């Protein structure tokens, strides 16, 4: 070792590098955003504050669906199609974390080798860290940084866990639900919430030889969508057959996304959605900080074990126990 310390970029260097499309600095900034260390959090917030307002013309696409639906292969094919139009693409790929070790494989970059090799593309795998929304705890902030870096299309690949995927709806403009041929038979087991947030359903892996079963699934999903309330006024949700492996139907998905963007911008629905997303992010961060301060509070931590013991032995109800912890927290706060 030569003892040389790695240069830590200043906030100005981070912001300038991100705005100039430096993928290395963008990746490091996202790492800061995802960190739980207070000094990293402060630095990340300053970078985000400086980057706000950049990249407002991007399209945010959420791609969800059950594991095995071919999300990564589909996203790579879609991303390459978008690059051919001269646009830049960022992919935020969320990998599930182990409930026991909290570890994650983070393998999406290796599954999108062609897209990862393109200088106009940026692929960032992130661990869900046990977050139950199908995304990661800092996905929305990562989207904002990618937009500041000039990426025209931001694709968020969710974990694929079912009902809890609906959280992604609070941070993207368009949601594509990928399903498998034959999965129409299992409609009763498909959660209503995930169907309601979809702007387009694609029966993927409809390869040669699977057309017949894919057509049946398409009809099943079309029937299911007709029973659901309208998500966006004037937007009719369709079901397509796609094969990322053979390249069929993928470019049609992209054209539908562009038509959706055009339609939503005609009646201000696009801007209203973006404002609602920022409102959601504002209060999500506030709630998270409040929760962290509560559990880090010295008096709360002192009383926690005793109150838990009383609840376990039945001498104190969970409701009264929770109120005692809140009183300990707010009592000292109000006296400050």
C-alpha atoms as a PDB file:
ATOM      1  CA  UNK A   1       0.000   0.000   0.000  1.00  0.00           C
ATOM      2  CA  UNK A   2       1.303   3.459  -0.817  1.00  0.00           C
ATOM      3  CA  UNK A   3      -0.904   5.146   1.776  1.00  0.00           C
ATOM      4  CA  UNK A   4      -2.513   7.437  -0.802  1.00  0.00           C
ATOM      5  CA  UNK A   5      -5.936   8.526   0.365  1.00  0.00           C
ATOM      6  CA  UNK A   6      -8.728   8.499  -2.184  1.00  0.00           C
ATOM      7  CA  UNK A   7      -9.837  11.993  -3.134  1.00  0.00           C
ATOM      8  CA  UNK A   8     -13.267  12.823  -1.740  1.00  0.00           C
ATOM      9  CA  UNK A   9     -15.098  15.115  -4.162  1.00  0.00           C
ATOM     10  CA  UNK A  10     -16.523  18.376  -2.869  1.00  0.00           C
ATOM     11  CA  UNK A  11     -20.224  19.149  -3.233  1.00  0.00           C
ATOM     12  CA  UNK A  12     -19.401  21.406  -6.191  1.00  0.00           C
ATOM     13  CA  UNK A  13     -17.424  18.603  -7.861  1.00  0.00           C
ATOM     14  CA  UNK A  14     -20.286  16.158  -7.292  1.00  0.00           C
ATOM     15  CA  UNK A  15     -22.895  18.531  -8.730  1.00  0.00           C
ATOM     16  CA  UNK A  16     -20.780  19.557 -11.716  1.00  0.00           C
ATOM     17  CA  UNK A  17     -19.821  15.944 -12.429  1.00  0.00           C
ATOM     18  CA  UNK A  18     -23.426  14.729 -12.236  1.00  0.00           C
ATOM     19  CA  UNK A  19     -24.633  17.505 -14.527  1.00  0.00           C
ATOM     20  CA  UNK A  20     -21.876  16.596 -16.996  1.00  0.00           C
ATOM     21  CA  UNK A  21     -22.987  12.953 -17.029  1.00  0.00           C
ATOM     22  CA  UNK A  22     -20.068  11.516 -15.042  1.00  0.00           C
ATOM     23  CA  UNK A  23     -21.374   8.010 -14.275  1.00  0.00           C
ATOM     24  CA  UNK A  24     -18.742   7.406 -11.608  1.00  0.00           C
ATOM     25  CA  UNK A  25     -19.723  10.481  -9.607  1.00  0.00           C
ATOM     26  CA  UNK A  26     -23.416   9.743 -10.146  1.00  0.00           C
ATOM     27  CA  UNK A  27     -22.905   6.262  -8.743  1.00  0.00           C
ATOM     28  CA  UNK A  28     -20.981   7.632  -5.752  1.00  0.00           C
ATOM     29  CA  UNK A  29     -23.722  10.200  -5.109  1.00  0.00           C
ATOM     30  CA  UNK A  30     -26.364   7.460  -5.077  1.00  0.00           C
ATOM     31  CA  UNK A  31     -24.194   5.513  -2.634  1.00  0.00           C
ATOM     32  CA  UNK A  32     -24.213   8.575  -0.350  1.00  0.00           C
ATOM     33  CA  UNK A  33     -27.979   8.844  -0.692  1.00  0.00           C
ATOM     34  CA  UNK A  34     -28.377   5.187   0.270  1.00  0.00           C
ATOM     35  CA  UNK A  35     -26.022   5.409   3.246  1.00  0.00           C
ATOM     36  CA  UNK A  36     -27.339   5.553   6.816  1.00  0.00           C
ATOM     37  CA  UNK A  37     -24.294   7.423   8.105  1.00  0.00           C
ATOM     38  CA  UNK A  38     -25.273  10.945   9.256  1.00  0.00           C
ATOM     39  CA  UNK A  39     -22.308  12.627   7.533  1.00  0.00           C
ATOM     40  CA  UNK A  40     -23.192  10.913   4.249  1.00  0.00           C
ATOM     41  CA  UNK A  41     -26.839  11.873   4.643  1.00  0.00           C
ATOM     42  CA  UNK A  42     -25.990  15.557   5.119  1.00  0.00           C
ATOM     43  CA  UNK A  43     -23.729  15.540   2.067  1.00  0.00           C
ATOM     44  CA  UNK A  44     -26.335  13.691  -0.017  1.00  0.00           C
ATOM     45  CA  UNK A  45     -29.045  16.212   0.890  1.00  0.00           C
ATOM     46  CA  UNK A  46     -26.829  19.123  -0.117  1.00  0.00           C
ATOM     47  CA  UNK A  47     -26.104  17.462  -3.470  1.00  0.00           C
ATOM     48  CA  UNK A  48     -29.810  16.768  -4.017  1.00  0.00           C
ATOM     49  CA  UNK A  49     -30.748  20.353  -3.139  1.00  0.00           C
ATOM     50  CA  UNK A  50     -28.260  21.646  -5.694  1.00  0.00           C
ATOM     51  CA  UNK A  51     -29.487  19.221  -8.378  1.00  0.00           C
ATOM     52  CA  UNK A  52     -33.214  19.865  -8.011  1.00  0.00           C
ATOM     53  CA  UNK A  53     -34.852  21.331 -11.075  1.00  0.00           C
ATOM     54  CA  UNK A  54     -32.529  19.595 -13.522  1.00  0.00           C
ATOM     55  CA  UNK A  55     -33.846  16.995 -15.960  1.00  0.00           C
ATOM     56  CA  UNK A  56     -37.538  17.854 -15.740  1.00  0.00           C
ATOM     57  CA  UNK A  57     -38.283  16.417 -19.200  1.00  0.00           C
ATOM     58  CA  UNK A  58     -37.484  12.815 -18.364  1.00  0.00           C
ATOM     59  CA  UNK A  59     -39.884   9.873 -18.530  1.00  0.00           C
ATOM     60  CA  UNK A  60     -39.990   7.580 -15.495  1.00  0.00           C
ATOM     61  CA  UNK A  61     -41.092   4.004 -16.182  1.00  0.00           C
ATOM     62  CA  UNK A  62     -41.734   1.396 -13.521  1.00  0.00           C
ATOM     63  CA  UNK A  63     -41.419  -2.216 -14.672  1.00  0.00           C
ATOM     64  CA  UNK A  64     -42.966  -4.730 -12.317  1.00  0.00           C
ATOM     65  CA  UNK A  65     -44.111  -8.329 -12.397  1.00  0.00           C
ATOM     66  CA  UNK A  66     -43.557 -11.626 -10.698  1.00  0.00           C
ATOM     67  CA  UNK A  67     -40.045 -13.098 -10.498  1.00  0.00           C
ATOM     68  CA  UNK A  68     -39.359 -15.021 -13.680  1.00  0.00           C
ATOM     69  CA  UNK A  69     -41.426 -12.719 -15.891  1.00  0.00           C
ATOM     70  CA  UNK A  70     -38.244 -11.680 -17.725  1.00  0.00           C
ATOM     71  CA  UNK A  71     -38.015  -8.105 -16.427  1.00  0.00           C
ATOM     72  CA  UNK A  72     -34.244  -7.732 -16.842  1.00  0.00           C
ATOM     73  CA  UNK A  73     -34.162  -9.131 -20.389  1.00  0.00           C
ATOM     74  CA  UNK A  74     -37.155  -7.013 -21.345  1.00  0.00           C
ATOM     75  CA  UNK A  75     -35.589  -3.840 -19.890  1.00  0.00           C
ATOM     76  CA  UNK A  76     -32.338  -4.455 -21.763  1.00  0.00           C
ATOM     77  CA  UNK A  77     -34.183  -4.878 -25.072  1.00  0.00           C
ATOM     78  CA  UNK A  78     -36.322  -1.811 -24.366  1.00  0.00           C
ATOM     79  CA  UNK A  79     -33.287   0.209 -23.307  1.00  0.00           C
ATOM     80  CA  UNK A  80     -31.395  -0.638 -26.495  1.00  0.00           C
ATOM     81  CA  UNK A  81     -34.431   0.419 -28.555  1.00  0.00           C
ATOM     82  CA  UNK A  82     -34.524   3.774 -26.728  1.00  0.00           C
ATOM     83  CA  UNK A  83     -30.783   4.301 -27.241  1.00  0.00           C
ATOM     84  CA  UNK A  84     -31.277   3.823 -30.978  1.00  0.00           C
ATOM     85  CA  UNK A  85     -33.523   6.897 -30.874  1.00  0.00           C
ATOM     86  CA  UNK A  86     -30.611   8.919 -29.523  1.00  0.00           C
ATOM     87  CA  UNK A  87     -31.848   9.101 -25.948  1.00  0.00           C
ATOM     88  CA  UNK A  88     -30.001   8.234 -22.752  1.00  0.00           C
ATOM     89  CA  UNK A  89     -31.309   5.590 -20.359  1.00  0.00           C
ATOM     90  CA  UNK A  90     -30.799   4.985 -16.644  1.00  0.00           C
ATOM     91  CA  UNK A  91     -31.945   1.730 -15.033  1.00  0.00           C
ATOM     92  CA  UNK A  92     -32.449   1.492 -11.282  1.00  0.00           C
ATOM     93  CA  UNK A  93     -32.663  -2.242 -10.674  1.00  0.00           C
ATOM     94  CA  UNK A  94     -33.882  -3.279  -7.230  1.00  0.00           C
ATOM     95  CA  UNK A  95     -32.709  -6.674  -6.004  1.00  0.00           C
ATOM     96  CA  UNK A  96     -34.387  -8.418  -3.074  1.00  0.00           C
ATOM     97  CA  UNK A  97     -32.449  -8.544   0.188  1.00  0.00           C
ATOM     98  CA  UNK A  98     -32.234 -11.571   2.416  1.00  0.00           C
ATOM     99  CA  UNK A  99     -34.542 -11.198   5.419  1.00  0.00           C
ATOM    100  CA  UNK A 100     -31.887 -12.960   7.538  1.00  0.00           C
ATOM    101  CA  UNK A 101     -28.598 -11.431   6.378  1.00  0.00           C
ATOM    102  CA  UNK A 102     -29.920  -8.267   4.664  1.00  0.00           C
ATOM    103  CA  UNK A 103     -27.541  -9.127   1.822  1.00  0.00           C
ATOM    104  CA  UNK A 104     -28.386  -8.887  -1.873  1.00  0.00           C
ATOM    105  CA  UNK A 105     -26.908 -10.432  -5.014  1.00  0.00           C
ATOM    106  CA  UNK A 106     -27.167  -7.194  -7.053  1.00  0.00           C
ATOM    107  CA  UNK A 107     -26.904  -9.146 -10.273  1.00  0.00           C
ATOM    108  CA  UNK A 108     -28.916  -7.041 -12.710  1.00  0.00           C
ATOM    109  CA  UNK A 109     -25.838  -5.419 -14.240  1.00  0.00           C
ATOM    110  CA  UNK A 110     -24.542  -8.846 -15.266  1.00  0.00           C
ATOM    111  CA  UNK A 111     -27.962  -9.711 -16.723  1.00  0.00           C
ATOM    112  CA  UNK A 112     -27.939  -6.583 -18.912  1.00  0.00           C
ATOM    113  CA  UNK A 113     -24.460  -6.893 -20.379  1.00  0.00           C
ATOM    114  CA  UNK A 114     -25.191  -5.221 -23.719  1.00  0.00           C
ATOM    115  CA  UNK A 115     -26.954  -2.241 -22.161  1.00  0.00           C
ATOM    116  CA  UNK A 116     -24.338  -1.884 -19.411  1.00  0.00           C
ATOM    117  CA  UNK A 117     -21.598  -1.646 -22.045  1.00  0.00           C
ATOM    118  CA  UNK A 118     -23.177   1.401 -23.692  1.00  0.00           C
ATOM    119  CA  UNK A 119     -21.826   4.812 -22.569  1.00  0.00           C
ATOM    120  CA  UNK A 120     -25.296   6.365 -22.992  1.00  0.00           C
ATOM    121  CA  UNK A 121     -26.749   3.979 -20.412  1.00  0.00           C
ATOM    122  CA  UNK A 122     -26.384   3.833 -16.641  1.00  0.00           C
ATOM    123  CA  UNK A 123     -27.389   0.760 -14.631  1.00  0.00           C
ATOM    124  CA  UNK A 124     -27.500   0.942 -10.876  1.00  0.00           C
ATOM    125  CA  UNK A 125     -28.449  -2.170  -8.885  1.00  0.00           C
ATOM    126  CA  UNK A 126     -29.646  -1.451  -5.354  1.00  0.00           C
ATOM    127  CA  UNK A 127     -30.688  -3.705  -2.511  1.00  0.00           C
ATOM    128  CA  UNK A 128     -34.265  -3.469  -1.282  1.00  0.00           C
ATOM    129  CA  UNK A 129     -32.875  -3.678   2.293  1.00  0.00           C
ATOM    130  CA  UNK A 130     -36.106  -5.244   3.460  1.00  0.00           C
ATOM    131  CA  UNK A 131     -38.137  -2.286   2.135  1.00  0.00           C
ATOM    132  CA  UNK A 132     -41.611  -3.639   1.375  1.00  0.00           C
ATOM    133  CA  UNK A 133     -42.523  -1.396  -1.538  1.00  0.00           C
ATOM    134  CA  UNK A 134     -40.843  -3.374  -4.288  1.00  0.00           C
ATOM    135  CA  UNK A 135     -38.265  -0.590  -4.524  1.00  0.00           C
ATOM    136  CA  UNK A 136     -35.381   0.483  -2.273  1.00  0.00           C
ATOM    137  CA  UNK A 137     -35.583   3.090   0.505  1.00  0.00           C
ATOM    138  CA  UNK A 138     -33.892   5.793  -1.616  1.00  0.00           C
ATOM    139  CA  UNK A 139     -35.154   4.980  -5.104  1.00  0.00           C
ATOM    140  CA  UNK A 140     -36.967   8.297  -5.540  1.00  0.00           C
ATOM    141  CA  UNK A 141     -33.852  10.302  -4.630  1.00  0.00           C
ATOM    142  CA  UNK A 142     -31.803   8.174  -7.047  1.00  0.00           C
ATOM    143  CA  UNK A 143     -34.317   9.024  -9.796  1.00  0.00           C
ATOM    144  CA  UNK A 144     -33.797  12.744  -9.152  1.00  0.00           C
ATOM    145  CA  UNK A 145     -30.012  12.350  -9.406  1.00  0.00           C
ATOM    146  CA  UNK A 146     -30.301  10.405 -12.680  1.00  0.00           C
ATOM    147  CA  UNK A 147     -32.489  13.169 -14.088  1.00  0.00           C
ATOM    148  CA  UNK A 148     -29.933  15.770 -13.041  1.00  0.00           C
ATOM    149  CA  UNK A 149     -27.321  13.722 -14.917  1.00  0.00           C
ATOM    150  CA  UNK A 150     -29.320  14.202 -18.105  1.00  0.00           C
ATOM    151  CA  UNK A 151     -30.895  10.779 -18.570  1.00  0.00           C
ATOM    152  CA  UNK A 152     -34.005  11.047 -20.730  1.00  0.00           C
ATOM    153  CA  UNK A 153     -35.621   7.814 -19.581  1.00  0.00           C
ATOM    154  CA  UNK A 154     -35.413   6.412 -16.046  1.00  0.00           C
ATOM    155  CA  UNK A 155     -36.501   2.780 -15.710  1.00  0.00           C
ATOM    156  CA  UNK A 156     -37.164   1.356 -12.250  1.00  0.00           C
ATOM    157  CA  UNK A 157     -37.155  -2.437 -12.128  1.00  0.00           C
ATOM    158  CA  UNK A 158     -38.977  -3.529  -8.994  1.00  0.00           C
ATOM    159  CA  UNK A 159     -38.278  -6.585  -6.874  1.00  0.00           C
ATOM    160  CA  UNK A 160     -41.436  -8.361  -8.028  1.00  0.00           C
ATOM    161  CA  UNK A 161     -43.149  -9.184  -4.756  1.00  0.00           C
ATOM    162  CA  UNK A 162     -46.810  -8.654  -5.570  1.00  0.00           C
ATOM    163  CA  UNK A 163     -49.117  -6.369  -3.618  1.00  0.00           C
ATOM    164  CA  UNK A 164     -46.453  -4.149  -2.066  1.00  0.00           C
ATOM    165  CA  UNK A 165     -45.199  -3.171  -5.543  1.00  0.00           C
ATOM    166  CA  UNK A 166     -47.789  -0.387  -5.532  1.00  0.00           C
ATOM    167  CA  UNK A 167     -45.289   1.927  -3.780  1.00  0.00           C
ATOM    168  CA  UNK A 168     -43.489   2.390  -7.103  1.00  0.00           C
ATOM    169  CA  UNK A 169     -46.617   4.188  -8.332  1.00  0.00           C
ATOM    170  CA  UNK A 170     -45.649   7.158  -6.140  1.00  0.00           C
ATOM    171  CA  UNK A 171     -42.416   7.847  -8.031  1.00  0.00           C
ATOM    172  CA  UNK A 172     -42.863   6.981 -11.734  1.00  0.00           C
ATOM    173  CA  UNK A 173     -45.027   8.260 -14.595  1.00  0.00           C
ATOM    174  CA  UNK A 174     -45.883   4.968 -16.283  1.00  0.00           C
ATOM    175  CA  UNK A 175     -46.141   1.431 -14.946  1.00  0.00           C
ATOM    176  CA  UNK A 176     -45.666  -1.648 -17.096  1.00  0.00           C
ATOM    177  CA  UNK A 177     -46.817  -4.943 -15.615  1.00  0.00           C
ATOM    178  CA  UNK A 178     -45.095  -7.993 -17.102  1.00  0.00           C
ATOM    179  CA  UNK A 179     -46.889 -11.324 -16.850  1.00  0.00           C
ATOM    180  CA  UNK A 180     -46.128 -14.819 -18.132  1.00  0.00           C
ATOM    181  CA  UNK A 181     -48.135 -16.895 -20.625  1.00  0.00           C
ATOM    182  CA  UNK A 182     -50.471 -19.104 -18.631  1.00  0.00           C
ATOM    183  CA  UNK A 183     -50.565 -16.778 -15.618  1.00  0.00           C
ATOM    184  CA  UNK A 184     -54.054 -15.663 -16.623  1.00  0.00           C
ATOM    185  CA  UNK A 185     -55.263 -18.903 -15.062  1.00  0.00           C
ATOM    186  CA  UNK A 186     -54.060 -17.557 -11.702  1.00  0.00           C
ATOM    187  CA  UNK A 187     -55.964 -14.247 -11.818  1.00  0.00           C
ATOM    188  CA  UNK A 188     -57.635 -14.974  -8.499  1.00  0.00           C
ATOM    189  CA  UNK A 189     -54.206 -14.995  -6.879  1.00  0.00           C
ATOM    190  CA  UNK A 190     -53.069 -11.743  -8.514  1.00  0.00           C
ATOM    191  CA  UNK A 191     -53.539  -8.866  -6.117  1.00  0.00           C
ATOM    192  CA  UNK A 192     -56.018  -6.224  -7.254  1.00  0.00           C
ATOM    193  CA  UNK A 193     -53.656  -3.398  -6.228  1.00  0.00           C
ATOM    194  CA  UNK A 194     -50.928  -4.320  -8.681  1.00  0.00           C
ATOM    195  CA  UNK A 195     -53.444  -4.590 -11.529  1.00  0.00           C
ATOM    196  CA  UNK A 196     -55.004  -1.225 -10.670  1.00  0.00           C
ATOM    197  CA  UNK A 197     -51.735   0.706 -10.924  1.00  0.00           C
ATOM    198  CA  UNK A 198     -50.690  -0.790 -14.285  1.00  0.00           C
ATOM    199  CA  UNK A 199     -50.851   1.542 -17.303  1.00  0.00           C
ATOM    200  CA  UNK A 200     -50.042  -1.337 -19.663  1.00  0.00           C
ATOM    201  CA  UNK A 201     -49.912  -5.110 -19.257  1.00  0.00           C
ATOM    202  CA  UNK A 202     -47.510  -7.158 -21.382  1.00  0.00           C
ATOM    203  CA  UNK A 203     -47.666 -10.929 -21.548  1.00  0.00           C
ATOM    204  CA  UNK A 204     -43.938 -11.473 -21.923  1.00  0.00           C
ATOM    205  CA  UNK A 205     -42.087 -14.577 -23.118  1.00  0.00           C
ATOM    206  CA  UNK A 206     -44.788 -15.004 -25.773  1.00  0.00           C
ATOM    207  CA  UNK A 207     -42.162 -16.723 -27.917  1.00  0.00           C
ATOM    208  CA  UNK A 208     -42.743 -18.896 -30.942  1.00  0.00           C
ATOM    209  CA  UNK A 209     -44.530 -22.028 -29.792  1.00  0.00           C
ATOM    210  CA  UNK A 210     -46.220 -20.300 -26.859  1.00  0.00           C
ATOM    211  CA  UNK A 211     -48.529 -18.083 -28.886  1.00  0.00           C
ATOM    212  CA  UNK A 212     -51.709 -20.021 -28.190  1.00  0.00           C
ATOM    213  CA  UNK A 213     -51.386 -19.971 -24.405  1.00  0.00           C
ATOM    214  CA  UNK A 214     -50.194 -16.348 -24.539  1.00  0.00           C
ATOM    215  CA  UNK A 215     -53.344 -15.331 -26.475  1.00  0.00           C
ATOM    216  CA  UNK A 216     -55.524 -16.978 -23.822  1.00  0.00           C
ATOM    217  CA  UNK A 217     -53.670 -15.106 -21.068  1.00  0.00           C
ATOM    218  CA  UNK A 218     -54.050 -11.856 -23.029  1.00  0.00           C
ATOM    219  CA  UNK A 219     -57.819 -12.326 -23.187  1.00  0.00           C
ATOM    220  CA  UNK A 220     -57.946 -13.102 -19.463  1.00  0.00           C
ATOM    221  CA  UNK A 221     -56.060  -9.947 -18.550  1.00  0.00           C
ATOM    222  CA  UNK A 222     -58.160  -7.809 -20.892  1.00  0.00           C
ATOM    223  CA  UNK A 223     -61.279  -9.087 -19.147  1.00  0.00           C
ATOM    224  CA  UNK A 224     -59.750  -8.352 -15.729  1.00  0.00           C
ATOM    225  CA  UNK A 225     -58.821  -4.783 -16.699  1.00  0.00           C
ATOM    226  CA  UNK A 226     -62.394  -4.080 -17.818  1.00  0.00           C
ATOM    227  CA  UNK A 227     -63.559  -4.783 -14.257  1.00  0.00           C
ATOM    228  CA  UNK A 228     -61.148  -2.259 -12.712  1.00  0.00           C
ATOM    229  CA  UNK A 229     -61.774   1.478 -12.298  1.00  0.00           C
ATOM    230  CA  UNK A 230     -60.107   3.888 -14.708  1.00  0.00           C
ATOM    231  CA  UNK A 231     -56.652   4.968 -13.530  1.00  0.00           C
ATOM    232  CA  UNK A 232     -56.206   8.013 -15.767  1.00  0.00           C
ATOM    233  CA  UNK A 233     -59.051   9.888 -17.415  1.00  0.00           C
ATOM    234  CA  UNK A 234     -59.027   9.217 -21.145  1.00  0.00           C
ATOM    235  CA  UNK A 235     -56.396   6.470 -21.026  1.00  0.00           C
ATOM    236  CA  UNK A 236     -57.468   2.968 -22.007  1.00  0.00           C
ATOM    237  CA  UNK A 237     -55.165   0.268 -20.670  1.00  0.00           C
ATOM    238  CA  UNK A 238     -54.214  -2.455 -23.122  1.00  0.00           C
ATOM    239  CA  UNK A 239     -52.620  -5.899 -23.031  1.00  0.00           C
ATOM    240  CA  UNK A 240     -49.793  -6.720 -25.454  1.00  0.00           C
ATOM    241  CA  UNK A 241     -47.908  -9.866 -26.332  1.00  0.00           C
ATOM    242  CA  UNK A 242     -44.141  -9.399 -26.137  1.00  0.00           C
ATOM    243  CA  UNK A 243     -41.015 -11.488 -26.438  1.00  0.00           C
ATOM    244  CA  UNK A 244     -37.856  -9.778 -25.237  1.00  0.00           C
ATOM    245  CA  UNK A 245     -35.884 -12.802 -26.418  1.00  0.00           C
ATOM    246  CA  UNK A 246     -37.175 -12.508 -29.991  1.00  0.00           C
ATOM    247  CA  UNK A 247     -37.584  -8.725 -29.865  1.00  0.00           C
ATOM    248  CA  UNK A 248     -41.272  -8.705 -30.720  1.00  0.00           C
ATOM    249  CA  UNK A 249     -43.657  -6.188 -29.186  1.00  0.00           C
ATOM    250  CA  UNK A 250     -40.978  -4.304 -27.240  1.00  0.00           C
ATOM    251  CA  UNK A 251     -40.778  -1.294 -29.571  1.00  0.00           C
ATOM    252  CA  UNK A 252     -44.583  -1.126 -29.486  1.00  0.00           C
ATOM    253  CA  UNK A 253     -44.422  -0.811 -25.692  1.00  0.00           C
ATOM    254  CA  UNK A 254     -42.111   2.191 -26.074  1.00  0.00           C
ATOM    255  CA  UNK A 255     -44.464   3.839 -28.568  1.00  0.00           C
ATOM    256  CA  UNK A 256     -47.350   3.378 -26.135  1.00  0.00           C
ATOM    257  CA  UNK A 257     -45.283   5.032 -23.384  1.00  0.00           C
ATOM    258  CA  UNK A 258     -44.694   8.027 -25.667  1.00  0.00           C
ATOM    259  CA  UNK A 259     -48.395   8.257 -26.526  1.00  0.00           C
ATOM    260  CA  UNK A 260     -49.204   8.108 -22.816  1.00  0.00           C
ATOM    261  CA  UNK A 261     -46.789  10.966 -22.121  1.00  0.00           C
ATOM    262  CA  UNK A 262     -48.335  13.076 -24.872  1.00  0.00           C
ATOM    263  CA  UNK A 263     -51.880  12.396 -23.644  1.00  0.00           C
ATOM    264  CA  UNK A 264     -51.105  13.157 -19.995  1.00  0.00           C
ATOM    265  CA  UNK A 265     -49.315  16.407 -20.839  1.00  0.00           C
ATOM    266  CA  UNK A 266     -52.340  17.656 -22.779  1.00  0.00           C
ATOM    267  CA  UNK A 267     -54.514  17.928 -19.658  1.00  0.00           C
ATOM    268  CA  UNK A 268     -51.882  18.751 -16.986  1.00  0.00           C
ATOM    269  CA  UNK A 269     -52.166  15.255 -15.491  1.00  0.00           C
ATOM    270  CA  UNK A 270     -48.407  14.796 -15.975  1.00  0.00           C
ATOM    271  CA  UNK A 271     -47.491  17.862 -13.891  1.00  0.00           C
ATOM    272  CA  UNK A 272     -50.123  17.040 -11.275  1.00  0.00           C
ATOM    273  CA  UNK A 273     -48.620  13.561 -10.890  1.00  0.00           C
ATOM    274  CA  UNK A 274     -45.105  14.955 -10.504  1.00  0.00           C
ATOM    275  CA  UNK A 275     -46.293  17.419  -7.841  1.00  0.00           C
ATOM    276  CA  UNK A 276     -48.024  14.618  -5.948  1.00  0.00           C
ATOM    277  CA  UNK A 277     -44.832  12.541  -6.129  1.00  0.00           C
ATOM    278  CA  UNK A 278     -42.827  15.376  -4.566  1.00  0.00           C
ATOM    279  CA  UNK A 279     -45.459  15.779  -1.860  1.00  0.00           C
ATOM    280  CA  UNK A 280     -45.228  12.063  -1.114  1.00  0.00           C
ATOM    281  CA  UNK A 281     -41.410  12.218  -0.950  1.00  0.00           C
ATOM    282  CA  UNK A 282     -41.567  15.232   1.391  1.00  0.00           C
ATOM    283  CA  UNK A 283     -43.718  13.475   3.961  1.00  0.00           C
ATOM    284  CA  UNK A 284     -42.066  10.076   3.529  1.00  0.00           C
ATOM    285  CA  UNK A 285     -38.717  11.598   4.486  1.00  0.00           C
ATOM    286  CA  UNK A 286     -40.294  13.532   7.382  1.00  0.00           C
ATOM    287  CA  UNK A 287     -41.951  10.370   8.736  1.00  0.00           C
ATOM    288  CA  UNK A 288     -38.741   8.386   8.359  1.00  0.00           C
ATOM    289  CA  UNK A 289     -36.698  11.010  10.235  1.00  0.00           C
ATOM    290  CA  UNK A 290     -39.291  11.219  12.990  1.00  0.00           C
ATOM    291  CA  UNK A 291     -39.303   7.433  13.378  1.00  0.00           C
ATOM    292  CA  UNK A 292     -35.499   7.346  13.521  1.00  0.00           C
ATOM    293  CA  UNK A 293     -35.354  10.127  16.120  1.00  0.00           C
ATOM    294  CA  UNK A 294     -37.980   8.328  18.193  1.00  0.00           C
ATOM    295  CA  UNK A 295     -36.080   5.035  18.361  1.00  0.00           C
ATOM    296  CA  UNK A 296     -32.730   6.783  18.872  1.00  0.00           C
ATOM    297  CA  UNK A 297     -34.087   8.867  21.744  1.00  0.00           C
ATOM    298  CA  UNK A 298     -32.185   8.048  24.949  1.00  0.00           C
ATOM    299  CA  UNK A 299     -35.225   7.890  27.268  1.00  0.00           C
ATOM    300  CA  UNK A 300     -37.191   5.790  24.775  1.00  0.00           C
ATOM    301  CA  UNK A 301     -34.298   3.355  24.494  1.00  0.00           C
ATOM    302  CA  UNK A 302     -34.012   3.218  28.289  1.00  0.00           C
ATOM    303  CA  UNK A 303     -37.706   2.395  28.766  1.00  0.00           C
ATOM    304  CA  UNK A 304     -38.138   0.173  25.723  1.00  0.00           C
ATOM    305  CA  UNK A 305     -36.985  -3.123  27.224  1.00  0.00           C
ATOM    306  CA  UNK A 306     -38.983  -2.637  30.434  1.00  0.00           C
ATOM    307  CA  UNK A 307     -42.173  -1.754  28.557  1.00  0.00           C
ATOM    308  CA  UNK A 308     -41.713  -4.678  26.179  1.00  0.00           C
ATOM    309  CA  UNK A 309     -41.374  -7.012  29.195  1.00  0.00           C
ATOM    310  CA  UNK A 310     -44.580  -5.648  30.741  1.00  0.00           C
ATOM    311  CA  UNK A 311     -46.418  -6.138  27.452  1.00  0.00           C
ATOM    312  CA  UNK A 312     -45.102  -9.703  27.097  1.00  0.00           C
ATOM    313  CA  UNK A 313     -46.210 -10.695  30.623  1.00  0.00           C
ATOM    314  CA  UNK A 314     -49.629  -9.097  30.152  1.00  0.00           C
ATOM    315  CA  UNK A 315     -49.363  -6.391  32.817  1.00  0.00           C
ATOM    316  CA  UNK A 316     -49.469  -3.630  30.187  1.00  0.00           C
ATOM    317  CA  UNK A 317     -51.381  -3.475  26.920  1.00  0.00           C
ATOM    318  CA  UNK A 318     -49.490  -2.709  23.683  1.00  0.00           C
ATOM    319  CA  UNK A 319     -51.611   0.436  23.339  1.00  0.00           C
ATOM    320  CA  UNK A 320     -50.672   1.772  26.776  1.00  0.00           C
ATOM    321  CA  UNK A 321     -47.059   0.733  26.243  1.00  0.00           C
ATOM    322  CA  UNK A 322     -46.873   2.670  22.985  1.00  0.00           C
ATOM    323  CA  UNK A 323     -48.358   5.757  24.670  1.00  0.00           C
ATOM    324  CA  UNK A 324     -45.772   5.557  27.479  1.00  0.00           C
ATOM    325  CA  UNK A 325     -42.948   5.520  24.894  1.00  0.00           C
ATOM    326  CA  UNK A 326     -44.497   8.458  23.048  1.00  0.00           C
ATOM    327  CA  UNK A 327     -44.908  10.383  26.305  1.00  0.00           C
ATOM    328  CA  UNK A 328     -41.234   9.759  27.093  1.00  0.00           C
ATOM    329  CA  UNK A 329     -40.253  11.071  23.664  1.00  0.00           C
ATOM    330  CA  UNK A 330     -42.567  14.082  23.485  1.00  0.00           C
ATOM    331  CA  UNK A 331     -42.249  14.933  27.166  1.00  0.00           C
ATOM    332  CA  UNK A 332     -38.555  15.739  26.827  1.00  0.00           C
ATOM    333  CA  UNK A 333     -39.045  17.311  23.407  1.00  0.00           C
ATOM    334  CA  UNK A 334     -41.666  19.731  24.750  1.00  0.00           C
ATOM    335  CA  UNK A 335     -39.433  20.756  27.618  1.00  0.00           C
ATOM    336  CA  UNK A 336     -36.564  21.679  25.240  1.00  0.00           C
END
